[in-house]
Amino acid sequence: MLEFIDMRGQLRPADWPKDGEPQTNWQAPAIDIFAKSEKSWIEVGSTSDFLPNIGTPIKYGDTQLAIFNNENRGEWYCTQNMCPHKQAFVLSQGIIGDKEGIPKVACPLHKKQFSLETGEGVGDEELNILTFPVKIESGKVLVELPAMPELDAILGTHGLRVQKSDCVDIAGDAIKTIKIPSSQNAFMKNTTAVAN
């Protein structure tokens, strides 16, 4: 989710924070955070609800997940939908493929790549994502998930969103800080009047 800010009377998406600042480089827990959680198989739709060879976003509680129907490999995957790099909920829109036999998804924004099986970064990528087991039964897609409150505590969209950062609006700040000498004020007023 993106926060919108007002810029010169129009709304636009907030700027991405710089790498290393809060809201960037989200780290998946180093251990299986849900290892001791009670899990259940949740039906997320019919197989016909998911187009082949692309991802589809779903929402479970306050958590966005991405379901991937990799028809080319005959496999299904479920991951978090949030790319950890800039905390954008876009992995379901990523490009799926494989690298050296490892099924992967590439974030559509900055091309960060993650294994669809393990969630580990592919290649030299240091960030990881969370993945969840998927099975197909009688044409239904089932995902093994922990209880909704536990999942929301880690991946809920309410706490993970691109918010207004302290990035400088160069043009806006320049207008606020430029002081025109009084001898030029008359010229500027005339120029503005002519321009309008």
N, C-alpha and C. Protein backbone atom coordinates (compact mmCIF):
# COMPACT_ATOMS: atom_id res chain seq x y z
N MET A 1 0.84 -1.17 0.00
CA MET A 1 0.00 0.00 0.00
C MET A 1 0.88 1.23 0.00
N LEU A 2 0.43 2.24 -0.63
CA LEU A 2 1.19 3.48 -0.72
C LEU A 2 0.43 4.61 -0.06
N GLU A 3 1.15 5.45 0.62
CA GLU A 3 0.56 6.67 1.14
C GLU A 3 0.69 7.73 0.06
N PHE A 4 -0.32 8.55 -0.08
CA PHE A 4 -0.27 9.62 -1.07
C PHE A 4 -0.03 10.95 -0.37
N ILE A 5 0.69 11.83 -1.03
CA ILE A 5 0.98 13.15 -0.48
C ILE A 5 0.50 14.21 -1.47
N ASP A 6 0.24 15.39 -0.93
CA ASP A 6 -0.21 16.49 -1.76
C ASP A 6 1.01 17.24 -2.27
N MET A 7 1.06 17.45 -3.58
CA MET A 7 2.14 18.22 -4.17
C MET A 7 1.52 19.20 -5.15
N ARG A 8 1.61 20.44 -4.82
CA ARG A 8 1.07 21.51 -5.66
C ARG A 8 -0.39 21.26 -6.02
N GLY A 9 -1.17 20.84 -5.01
CA GLY A 9 -2.60 20.66 -5.19
C GLY A 9 -3.01 19.35 -5.83
N GLN A 10 -2.06 18.43 -6.06
CA GLN A 10 -2.38 17.13 -6.63
C GLN A 10 -1.80 16.03 -5.77
N LEU A 11 -2.51 14.91 -5.71
CA LEU A 11 -2.01 13.78 -4.94
C LEU A 11 -1.09 12.94 -5.82
N ARG A 12 0.00 12.47 -5.20
CA ARG A 12 0.93 11.58 -5.87
C ARG A 12 1.45 10.59 -4.84
N PRO A 13 1.95 9.44 -5.29
CA PRO A 13 2.50 8.48 -4.33
C PRO A 13 3.70 9.06 -3.58
N ALA A 14 3.83 8.66 -2.32
CA ALA A 14 4.98 9.10 -1.52
C ALA A 14 6.26 8.58 -2.14
N ASP A 15 7.36 9.30 -1.93
CA ASP A 15 8.67 8.88 -2.43
C ASP A 15 9.12 7.62 -1.71
N TRP A 16 9.88 6.79 -2.41
CA TRP A 16 10.47 5.62 -1.77
C TRP A 16 11.56 6.11 -0.81
N PRO A 17 11.63 5.56 0.37
CA PRO A 17 12.76 5.90 1.25
C PRO A 17 14.06 5.37 0.64
N LYS A 18 15.17 6.02 0.97
CA LYS A 18 16.47 5.57 0.48
C LYS A 18 16.82 4.25 1.16
N ASP A 19 17.60 3.41 0.46
CA ASP A 19 18.04 2.14 1.05
C ASP A 19 18.71 2.38 2.39
N GLY A 20 18.41 1.51 3.33
CA GLY A 20 19.01 1.61 4.66
C GLY A 20 18.17 2.42 5.63
N GLU A 21 17.21 3.21 5.14
CA GLU A 21 16.33 3.96 6.03
C GLU A 21 15.18 3.07 6.45
N PRO A 22 14.42 3.47 7.49
CA PRO A 22 13.23 2.70 7.85
C PRO A 22 12.35 2.49 6.62
N GLN A 23 11.63 1.40 6.60
CA GLN A 23 10.75 1.00 5.50
C GLN A 23 11.51 0.46 4.31
N THR A 24 12.77 0.10 4.48
CA THR A 24 13.51 -0.54 3.39
C THR A 24 14.20 -1.77 3.94
N ASN A 25 14.51 -2.69 3.05
CA ASN A 25 15.28 -3.88 3.37
C ASN A 25 14.71 -4.65 4.56
N TRP A 26 13.38 -4.92 4.50
CA TRP A 26 12.71 -5.72 5.52
C TRP A 26 13.36 -7.09 5.59
N GLN A 27 13.64 -7.55 6.77
CA GLN A 27 14.31 -8.83 6.95
C GLN A 27 13.32 -9.89 7.42
N ALA A 28 13.20 -10.95 6.64
CA ALA A 28 12.41 -12.10 7.07
C ALA A 28 13.11 -12.70 8.28
N PRO A 29 12.36 -13.21 9.24
CA PRO A 29 13.02 -13.82 10.40
C PRO A 29 14.00 -14.91 9.96
N ALA A 30 15.14 -14.98 10.65
CA ALA A 30 16.20 -15.93 10.28
C ALA A 30 15.78 -17.38 10.53
N ILE A 31 14.87 -17.57 11.45
CA ILE A 31 14.37 -18.92 11.74
C ILE A 31 12.96 -19.04 11.18
N ASP A 32 12.44 -20.24 11.15
CA ASP A 32 11.05 -20.43 10.71
C ASP A 32 10.16 -19.88 11.81
N ILE A 33 9.73 -18.65 11.64
CA ILE A 33 8.97 -17.95 12.67
C ILE A 33 7.67 -18.66 13.03
N PHE A 34 7.14 -19.45 12.09
CA PHE A 34 5.88 -20.14 12.34
C PHE A 34 6.07 -21.63 12.64
N ALA A 35 7.31 -22.06 12.96
CA ALA A 35 7.61 -23.47 13.19
C ALA A 35 6.75 -24.07 14.30
N LYS A 36 6.51 -23.33 15.35
CA LYS A 36 5.75 -23.86 16.48
C LYS A 36 4.27 -23.47 16.42
N SER A 37 3.89 -22.78 15.38
CA SER A 37 2.49 -22.34 15.24
C SER A 37 1.61 -23.49 14.78
N GLU A 38 0.39 -23.46 15.25
CA GLU A 38 -0.60 -24.41 14.73
C GLU A 38 -1.04 -23.89 13.37
N LYS A 39 -0.96 -24.74 12.37
CA LYS A 39 -1.31 -24.33 11.01
C LYS A 39 -2.50 -25.13 10.52
N SER A 40 -3.17 -24.56 9.54
CA SER A 40 -4.26 -25.29 8.89
C SER A 40 -4.25 -24.97 7.40
N TRP A 41 -4.87 -25.87 6.63
CA TRP A 41 -4.95 -25.68 5.19
C TRP A 41 -6.15 -24.79 4.89
N ILE A 42 -5.89 -23.65 4.30
CA ILE A 42 -6.91 -22.65 3.99
C ILE A 42 -7.18 -22.67 2.49
N GLU A 43 -8.46 -22.80 2.11
CA GLU A 43 -8.81 -22.74 0.70
C GLU A 43 -8.78 -21.29 0.25
N VAL A 44 -8.00 -21.02 -0.80
CA VAL A 44 -7.86 -19.64 -1.30
C VAL A 44 -8.51 -19.45 -2.67
N GLY A 45 -9.07 -20.51 -3.23
CA GLY A 45 -9.77 -20.41 -4.50
C GLY A 45 -9.69 -21.70 -5.28
N SER A 46 -10.30 -21.68 -6.44
CA SER A 46 -10.25 -22.81 -7.38
C SER A 46 -9.03 -22.65 -8.27
N THR A 47 -8.56 -23.74 -8.82
CA THR A 47 -7.41 -23.65 -9.73
C THR A 47 -7.72 -22.73 -10.91
N SER A 48 -8.99 -22.68 -11.31
CA SER A 48 -9.37 -21.83 -12.45
C SER A 48 -9.32 -20.34 -12.10
N ASP A 49 -9.21 -20.00 -10.81
CA ASP A 49 -9.11 -18.60 -10.39
C ASP A 49 -7.71 -18.02 -10.61
N PHE A 50 -6.74 -18.89 -10.89
CA PHE A 50 -5.35 -18.47 -10.97
C PHE A 50 -4.82 -18.72 -12.38
N LEU A 51 -4.50 -17.65 -13.09
CA LEU A 51 -4.00 -17.78 -14.45
C LEU A 51 -2.63 -18.47 -14.45
N PRO A 52 -2.30 -19.18 -15.54
CA PRO A 52 -1.02 -19.88 -15.58
C PRO A 52 0.17 -18.95 -15.76
N ASN A 53 1.26 -19.32 -15.10
CA ASN A 53 2.58 -18.68 -15.26
C ASN A 53 2.64 -17.22 -14.84
N ILE A 54 1.76 -16.82 -13.96
CA ILE A 54 1.82 -15.48 -13.35
C ILE A 54 1.37 -15.61 -11.89
N GLY A 55 1.53 -14.55 -11.15
CA GLY A 55 1.10 -14.53 -9.77
C GLY A 55 -0.26 -13.86 -9.62
N THR A 56 -0.92 -14.17 -8.53
CA THR A 56 -2.21 -13.58 -8.20
C THR A 56 -2.19 -13.16 -6.73
N PRO A 57 -2.53 -11.91 -6.42
CA PRO A 57 -2.56 -11.50 -5.01
C PRO A 57 -3.84 -11.98 -4.35
N ILE A 58 -3.72 -12.37 -3.09
CA ILE A 58 -4.89 -12.68 -2.28
C ILE A 58 -4.69 -12.01 -0.93
N LYS A 59 -5.78 -11.80 -0.22
CA LYS A 59 -5.67 -11.20 1.11
C LYS A 59 -6.28 -12.18 2.11
N TYR A 60 -5.51 -12.47 3.14
CA TYR A 60 -5.94 -13.36 4.21
C TYR A 60 -5.81 -12.55 5.49
N GLY A 61 -6.92 -12.14 6.05
CA GLY A 61 -6.87 -11.21 7.18
C GLY A 61 -6.34 -9.88 6.67
N ASP A 62 -5.27 -9.39 7.30
CA ASP A 62 -4.64 -8.13 6.90
C ASP A 62 -3.35 -8.39 6.11
N THR A 63 -3.14 -9.65 5.71
CA THR A 63 -1.90 -10.05 5.05
C THR A 63 -2.14 -10.29 3.56
N GLN A 64 -1.28 -9.70 2.75
CA GLN A 64 -1.31 -9.96 1.31
C GLN A 64 -0.33 -11.08 0.98
N LEU A 65 -0.84 -12.07 0.26
CA LEU A 65 -0.02 -13.18 -0.19
C LEU A 65 -0.05 -13.21 -1.72
N ALA A 66 0.91 -13.90 -2.31
CA ALA A 66 0.96 -14.07 -3.75
C ALA A 66 0.92 -15.56 -4.06
N ILE A 67 -0.04 -15.96 -4.89
CA ILE A 67 -0.15 -17.35 -5.32
C ILE A 67 0.39 -17.42 -6.74
N PHE A 68 1.29 -18.37 -6.98
CA PHE A 68 1.89 -18.54 -8.30
C PHE A 68 1.53 -19.90 -8.86
N ASN A 69 0.91 -19.91 -10.02
CA ASN A 69 0.58 -21.13 -10.75
C ASN A 69 1.64 -21.27 -11.84
N ASN A 70 2.71 -21.99 -11.52
CA ASN A 70 3.79 -22.17 -12.50
C ASN A 70 3.46 -23.39 -13.35
N GLU A 71 2.59 -23.18 -14.33
CA GLU A 71 2.12 -24.26 -15.19
C GLU A 71 3.26 -24.89 -15.97
N ASN A 72 4.27 -24.10 -16.33
CA ASN A 72 5.41 -24.63 -17.07
C ASN A 72 6.11 -25.75 -16.30
N ARG A 73 6.13 -25.65 -14.99
CA ARG A 73 6.77 -26.67 -14.14
C ARG A 73 5.75 -27.60 -13.49
N GLY A 74 4.47 -27.26 -13.61
CA GLY A 74 3.43 -28.07 -12.95
C GLY A 74 3.46 -27.90 -11.44
N GLU A 75 3.84 -26.69 -10.98
CA GLU A 75 3.99 -26.45 -9.54
C GLU A 75 3.24 -25.19 -9.11
N TRP A 76 2.85 -25.15 -7.87
CA TRP A 76 2.17 -24.01 -7.26
C TRP A 76 3.00 -23.52 -6.09
N TYR A 77 2.98 -22.21 -5.86
CA TYR A 77 3.75 -21.61 -4.76
C TYR A 77 2.91 -20.52 -4.10
N CYS A 78 3.24 -20.25 -2.85
CA CYS A 78 2.64 -19.12 -2.14
C CYS A 78 3.75 -18.41 -1.38
N THR A 79 3.81 -17.08 -1.56
CA THR A 79 4.80 -16.26 -0.85
C THR A 79 4.09 -15.04 -0.28
N GLN A 80 4.82 -14.29 0.52
CA GLN A 80 4.34 -12.97 0.90
C GLN A 80 4.26 -12.14 -0.38
N ASN A 81 3.36 -11.18 -0.45
CA ASN A 81 3.26 -10.33 -1.64
C ASN A 81 4.18 -9.12 -1.54
N MET A 82 4.70 -8.86 -0.36
CA MET A 82 5.54 -7.68 -0.15
C MET A 82 6.99 -7.97 -0.53
N CYS A 83 7.52 -7.16 -1.42
CA CYS A 83 8.95 -7.24 -1.70
C CYS A 83 9.67 -6.59 -0.52
N PRO A 84 10.63 -7.28 0.09
CA PRO A 84 11.28 -6.72 1.27
C PRO A 84 12.18 -5.51 0.99
N HIS A 85 12.56 -5.31 -0.25
CA HIS A 85 13.47 -4.21 -0.58
C HIS A 85 12.86 -2.86 -0.25
N LYS A 86 11.68 -2.57 -0.75
CA LYS A 86 11.04 -1.27 -0.49
C LYS A 86 9.66 -1.41 0.13
N GLN A 87 9.34 -2.62 0.60
CA GLN A 87 8.07 -2.92 1.25
C GLN A 87 6.87 -2.58 0.35
N ALA A 88 7.00 -2.86 -0.92
CA ALA A 88 5.91 -2.65 -1.87
C ALA A 88 5.21 -4.00 -2.09
N PHE A 89 3.90 -3.97 -2.14
CA PHE A 89 3.11 -5.20 -2.28
C PHE A 89 2.93 -5.52 -3.76
N VAL A 90 3.97 -6.05 -4.38
CA VAL A 90 3.99 -6.20 -5.83
C VAL A 90 4.53 -7.55 -6.33
N LEU A 91 4.95 -8.44 -5.45
CA LEU A 91 5.57 -9.67 -5.94
C LEU A 91 4.63 -10.49 -6.81
N SER A 92 3.32 -10.41 -6.57
CA SER A 92 2.37 -11.15 -7.41
C SER A 92 2.42 -10.66 -8.86
N GLN A 93 2.93 -9.46 -9.08
CA GLN A 93 3.05 -8.91 -10.43
C GLN A 93 4.42 -9.18 -11.04
N GLY A 94 5.25 -9.90 -10.29
CA GLY A 94 6.61 -10.16 -10.75
C GLY A 94 6.67 -11.19 -11.86
N ILE A 95 7.84 -11.30 -12.44
CA ILE A 95 8.09 -12.24 -13.53
C ILE A 95 8.60 -13.54 -12.92
N ILE A 96 7.93 -14.66 -13.27
CA ILE A 96 8.40 -15.93 -12.75
C ILE A 96 9.24 -16.63 -13.81
N GLY A 97 10.16 -17.43 -13.34
CA GLY A 97 11.05 -18.17 -14.21
C GLY A 97 11.90 -19.10 -13.37
N ASP A 98 13.10 -19.41 -13.82
CA ASP A 98 14.01 -20.17 -12.98
C ASP A 98 15.44 -19.75 -13.27
N LYS A 99 16.27 -19.99 -12.28
CA LYS A 99 17.69 -19.72 -12.42
C LYS A 99 18.41 -20.97 -11.95
N GLU A 100 19.09 -21.62 -12.89
CA GLU A 100 19.81 -22.85 -12.59
C GLU A 100 18.90 -23.88 -11.93
N GLY A 101 17.66 -23.99 -12.45
CA GLY A 101 16.71 -24.97 -11.95
C GLY A 101 15.91 -24.54 -10.74
N ILE A 102 16.21 -23.37 -10.18
CA ILE A 102 15.48 -22.88 -9.01
C ILE A 102 14.33 -22.00 -9.48
N PRO A 103 13.07 -22.38 -9.18
CA PRO A 103 11.96 -21.50 -9.57
C PRO A 103 12.04 -20.19 -8.80
N LYS A 104 11.84 -19.08 -9.50
CA LYS A 104 12.02 -17.78 -8.84
C LYS A 104 10.98 -16.78 -9.32
N VAL A 105 10.85 -15.70 -8.55
CA VAL A 105 10.07 -14.54 -8.95
C VAL A 105 10.99 -13.33 -8.86
N ALA A 106 10.86 -12.43 -9.84
CA ALA A 106 11.63 -11.18 -9.84
C ALA A 106 10.65 -10.04 -9.56
N CYS A 107 10.96 -9.22 -8.58
CA CYS A 107 10.12 -8.07 -8.25
C CYS A 107 10.02 -7.17 -9.49
N PRO A 108 8.81 -6.71 -9.82
CA PRO A 108 8.67 -5.88 -11.02
C PRO A 108 9.25 -4.47 -10.86
N LEU A 109 9.53 -4.05 -9.64
CA LEU A 109 10.04 -2.68 -9.44
C LEU A 109 11.54 -2.57 -9.55
N HIS A 110 12.26 -3.41 -8.82
CA HIS A 110 13.71 -3.29 -8.77
C HIS A 110 14.43 -4.59 -9.10
N LYS A 111 13.69 -5.57 -9.60
CA LYS A 111 14.23 -6.85 -10.09
C LYS A 111 14.94 -7.69 -9.04
N LYS A 112 14.60 -7.51 -7.77
CA LYS A 112 15.12 -8.40 -6.73
C LYS A 112 14.51 -9.78 -6.97
N GLN A 113 15.31 -10.85 -6.85
CA GLN A 113 14.86 -12.19 -7.19
C GLN A 113 14.85 -13.09 -5.96
N PHE A 114 13.78 -13.91 -5.86
CA PHE A 114 13.60 -14.78 -4.70
C PHE A 114 13.16 -16.17 -5.15
N SER A 115 13.66 -17.19 -4.47
CA SER A 115 13.25 -18.56 -4.74
C SER A 115 11.79 -18.72 -4.34
N LEU A 116 10.99 -19.31 -5.23
CA LEU A 116 9.59 -19.57 -4.90
C LEU A 116 9.45 -20.75 -3.95
N GLU A 117 10.47 -21.60 -3.87
CA GLU A 117 10.41 -22.77 -2.99
C GLU A 117 10.81 -22.42 -1.56
N THR A 118 11.92 -21.70 -1.40
CA THR A 118 12.46 -21.44 -0.06
C THR A 118 12.33 -19.99 0.39
N GLY A 119 12.13 -19.06 -0.54
CA GLY A 119 12.08 -17.64 -0.21
C GLY A 119 13.44 -16.97 -0.17
N GLU A 120 14.51 -17.74 -0.31
CA GLU A 120 15.85 -17.16 -0.25
C GLU A 120 16.11 -16.29 -1.48
N GLY A 121 16.92 -15.25 -1.26
CA GLY A 121 17.34 -14.41 -2.37
C GLY A 121 18.13 -15.23 -3.37
N VAL A 122 17.91 -14.99 -4.66
CA VAL A 122 18.59 -15.73 -5.72
C VAL A 122 19.79 -14.92 -6.18
N GLY A 123 20.89 -15.61 -6.42
CA GLY A 123 22.11 -14.93 -6.84
C GLY A 123 22.75 -14.24 -5.65
N ASP A 124 23.10 -12.96 -5.81
CA ASP A 124 23.75 -12.23 -4.73
C ASP A 124 22.75 -11.45 -3.86
N GLU A 125 21.45 -11.75 -4.01
CA GLU A 125 20.43 -11.04 -3.23
C GLU A 125 20.49 -11.49 -1.76
N GLU A 126 20.60 -10.52 -0.85
CA GLU A 126 20.71 -10.82 0.58
C GLU A 126 19.36 -10.90 1.28
N LEU A 127 18.31 -10.32 0.69
CA LEU A 127 17.00 -10.32 1.32
C LEU A 127 16.27 -11.62 1.01
N ASN A 128 15.36 -12.01 1.90
CA ASN A 128 14.57 -13.23 1.75
C ASN A 128 13.09 -12.89 1.93
N ILE A 129 12.23 -13.81 1.50
CA ILE A 129 10.79 -13.67 1.71
C ILE A 129 10.27 -14.94 2.39
N LEU A 130 9.07 -14.86 2.92
CA LEU A 130 8.44 -16.02 3.53
C LEU A 130 7.63 -16.76 2.48
N THR A 131 7.67 -18.09 2.56
CA THR A 131 6.91 -18.93 1.64
C THR A 131 6.02 -19.87 2.45
N PHE A 132 4.99 -20.40 1.80
CA PHE A 132 4.03 -21.27 2.48
C PHE A 132 3.68 -22.44 1.56
N PRO A 133 3.51 -23.64 2.14
CA PRO A 133 3.17 -24.81 1.32
C PRO A 133 1.80 -24.66 0.64
N VAL A 134 1.73 -25.20 -0.58
CA VAL A 134 0.48 -25.18 -1.36
C VAL A 134 0.19 -26.61 -1.79
N LYS A 135 -1.10 -26.96 -1.79
CA LYS A 135 -1.51 -28.23 -2.37
C LYS A 135 -2.82 -28.03 -3.12
N ILE A 136 -3.07 -28.91 -4.08
CA ILE A 136 -4.28 -28.87 -4.89
C ILE A 136 -5.09 -30.11 -4.54
N GLU A 137 -6.35 -29.91 -4.19
CA GLU A 137 -7.26 -31.03 -3.90
C GLU A 137 -8.59 -30.77 -4.57
N SER A 138 -9.00 -31.67 -5.42
CA SER A 138 -10.30 -31.58 -6.11
C SER A 138 -10.51 -30.22 -6.77
N GLY A 139 -9.47 -29.71 -7.41
CA GLY A 139 -9.57 -28.44 -8.12
C GLY A 139 -9.53 -27.21 -7.23
N LYS A 140 -9.26 -27.38 -5.95
CA LYS A 140 -9.18 -26.27 -5.00
C LYS A 140 -7.72 -26.03 -4.62
N VAL A 141 -7.35 -24.75 -4.47
CA VAL A 141 -5.99 -24.38 -4.07
C VAL A 141 -6.01 -24.16 -2.56
N LEU A 142 -5.18 -24.91 -1.85
CA LEU A 142 -5.09 -24.82 -0.39
C LEU A 142 -3.68 -24.37 0.00
N VAL A 143 -3.61 -23.46 0.96
CA VAL A 143 -2.32 -22.96 1.46
C VAL A 143 -2.26 -23.25 2.95
N GLU A 144 -1.12 -23.79 3.41
CA GLU A 144 -0.95 -24.07 4.83
C GLU A 144 -0.46 -22.80 5.53
N LEU A 145 -1.32 -22.24 6.38
CA LEU A 145 -1.03 -20.96 7.02
C LEU A 145 -1.21 -21.05 8.53
N PRO A 146 -0.45 -20.23 9.27
CA PRO A 146 -0.68 -20.12 10.71
C PRO A 146 -1.97 -19.33 10.96
N ALA A 147 -2.35 -19.23 12.20
CA ALA A 147 -3.56 -18.47 12.56
C ALA A 147 -3.42 -17.03 12.05
N MET A 148 -4.54 -16.47 11.67
CA MET A 148 -4.56 -15.13 11.07
C MET A 148 -3.86 -14.08 11.94
N PRO A 149 -4.11 -14.03 13.26
CA PRO A 149 -3.42 -13.00 14.07
C PRO A 149 -1.90 -13.13 14.05
N GLU A 150 -1.39 -14.38 14.02
CA GLU A 150 0.06 -14.58 13.97
C GLU A 150 0.64 -14.09 12.64
N LEU A 151 -0.03 -14.45 11.56
CA LEU A 151 0.44 -14.04 10.24
C LEU A 151 0.38 -12.52 10.10
N ASP A 152 -0.72 -11.92 10.55
CA ASP A 152 -0.87 -10.47 10.47
C ASP A 152 0.19 -9.74 11.30
N ALA A 153 0.62 -10.34 12.41
CA ALA A 153 1.63 -9.69 13.26
C ALA A 153 2.96 -9.54 12.52
N ILE A 154 3.24 -10.44 11.59
CA ILE A 154 4.51 -10.39 10.85
C ILE A 154 4.34 -9.70 9.50
N LEU A 155 3.25 -10.00 8.78
CA LEU A 155 3.10 -9.54 7.40
C LEU A 155 1.89 -8.66 7.15
N GLY A 156 1.14 -8.31 8.18
CA GLY A 156 -0.07 -7.51 7.97
C GLY A 156 0.23 -6.19 7.26
N THR A 157 -0.61 -5.84 6.31
CA THR A 157 -0.37 -4.63 5.51
C THR A 157 -0.53 -3.36 6.32
N HIS A 158 -1.24 -3.41 7.43
CA HIS A 158 -1.45 -2.20 8.22
C HIS A 158 -0.13 -1.59 8.69
N GLY A 159 0.81 -2.42 9.09
CA GLY A 159 2.08 -1.91 9.61
C GLY A 159 3.17 -1.80 8.56
N LEU A 160 2.93 -2.34 7.37
CA LEU A 160 3.95 -2.34 6.33
C LEU A 160 3.42 -1.59 5.12
N ARG A 161 3.78 -0.35 5.00
CA ARG A 161 3.33 0.45 3.87
C ARG A 161 4.33 1.55 3.57
N VAL A 162 4.38 1.96 2.33
CA VAL A 162 5.24 3.06 1.94
C VAL A 162 4.57 4.33 2.43
N GLN A 163 5.23 5.01 3.33
CA GLN A 163 4.67 6.22 3.91
C GLN A 163 5.52 7.41 3.50
N LYS A 164 4.97 8.57 3.73
CA LYS A 164 5.70 9.80 3.41
C LYS A 164 7.06 9.77 4.09
N SER A 165 8.08 10.00 3.31
CA SER A 165 9.43 10.02 3.88
C SER A 165 9.87 11.47 4.04
N ASP A 166 11.07 11.63 4.52
CA ASP A 166 11.61 12.97 4.70
C ASP A 166 12.42 13.41 3.49
N CYS A 167 12.13 12.82 2.33
CA CYS A 167 12.83 13.22 1.11
C CYS A 167 12.53 14.69 0.83
N VAL A 168 13.47 15.35 0.25
CA VAL A 168 13.35 16.77 -0.03
C VAL A 168 12.61 16.98 -1.34
N ASP A 169 11.60 17.83 -1.31
CA ASP A 169 10.92 18.27 -2.54
C ASP A 169 11.71 19.49 -3.00
N ILE A 170 12.66 19.25 -3.89
CA ILE A 170 13.60 20.31 -4.27
C ILE A 170 12.87 21.54 -4.80
N ALA A 171 11.95 21.33 -5.72
CA ALA A 171 11.25 22.47 -6.31
C ALA A 171 10.41 23.20 -5.27
N GLY A 172 9.66 22.46 -4.49
CA GLY A 172 8.80 23.07 -3.47
C GLY A 172 9.61 23.80 -2.41
N ASP A 173 10.69 23.16 -1.94
CA ASP A 173 11.53 23.79 -0.92
C ASP A 173 12.27 25.00 -1.48
N ALA A 174 12.66 24.93 -2.75
CA ALA A 174 13.36 26.07 -3.37
C ALA A 174 12.44 27.28 -3.43
N ILE A 175 11.20 27.06 -3.78
CA ILE A 175 10.25 28.17 -3.86
C ILE A 175 10.05 28.80 -2.49
N LYS A 176 10.03 27.96 -1.45
CA LYS A 176 9.83 28.47 -0.10
C LYS A 176 11.04 29.26 0.41
N THR A 177 12.24 28.86 -0.05
CA THR A 177 13.45 29.47 0.53
C THR A 177 14.04 30.60 -0.30
N ILE A 178 13.66 30.71 -1.55
CA ILE A 178 14.22 31.79 -2.38
C ILE A 178 13.62 33.13 -1.94
N LYS A 179 14.48 34.05 -1.63
CA LYS A 179 14.03 35.39 -1.26
C LYS A 179 14.45 36.33 -2.37
N ILE A 180 13.50 36.96 -2.94
CA ILE A 180 13.77 37.88 -4.05
C ILE A 180 14.02 39.26 -3.46
N PRO A 181 15.15 39.86 -3.82
CA PRO A 181 15.41 41.22 -3.33
C PRO A 181 14.26 42.15 -3.75
N SER A 182 13.98 43.12 -2.91
CA SER A 182 12.84 44.01 -3.17
C SER A 182 12.98 44.74 -4.50
N SER A 183 14.21 44.98 -4.97
CA SER A 183 14.38 45.67 -6.25
C SER A 183 13.89 44.79 -7.42
N GLN A 184 13.88 43.45 -7.22
CA GLN A 184 13.42 42.56 -8.28
C GLN A 184 11.96 42.16 -8.12
N ASN A 185 11.37 42.47 -6.97
CA ASN A 185 9.98 42.07 -6.72
C ASN A 185 9.03 42.65 -7.76
N ALA A 186 9.21 43.90 -8.16
CA ALA A 186 8.32 44.52 -9.13
C ALA A 186 8.41 43.79 -10.46
N PHE A 187 9.65 43.43 -10.85
CA PHE A 187 9.82 42.70 -12.10
C PHE A 187 9.12 41.34 -12.03
N MET A 188 9.30 40.62 -10.89
CA MET A 188 8.69 39.30 -10.74
C MET A 188 7.18 39.41 -10.76
N LYS A 189 6.62 40.43 -10.12
CA LYS A 189 5.16 40.59 -10.12
C LYS A 189 4.68 40.85 -11.55
N ASN A 190 5.39 41.68 -12.29
CA ASN A 190 4.99 41.95 -13.66
C ASN A 190 5.11 40.70 -14.54
N THR A 191 6.17 39.94 -14.33
CA THR A 191 6.37 38.72 -15.10
C THR A 191 5.26 37.74 -14.80
N THR A 192 4.92 37.62 -13.52
CA THR A 192 3.85 36.70 -13.13
C THR A 192 2.54 37.15 -13.73
N ALA A 193 2.29 38.44 -13.70
CA ALA A 193 1.03 38.96 -14.24
C ALA A 193 0.95 38.70 -15.74
N VAL A 194 2.07 38.88 -16.44
CA VAL A 194 2.07 38.64 -17.88
C VAL A 194 1.88 37.15 -18.17
N ALA A 195 2.53 36.29 -17.34
CA ALA A 195 2.44 34.86 -17.57
C ALA A 195 1.01 34.36 -17.32
N ASN A 196 0.31 34.99 -16.40
CA ASN A 196 -1.06 34.54 -16.12
C ASN A 196 -1.94 35.12 -17.17
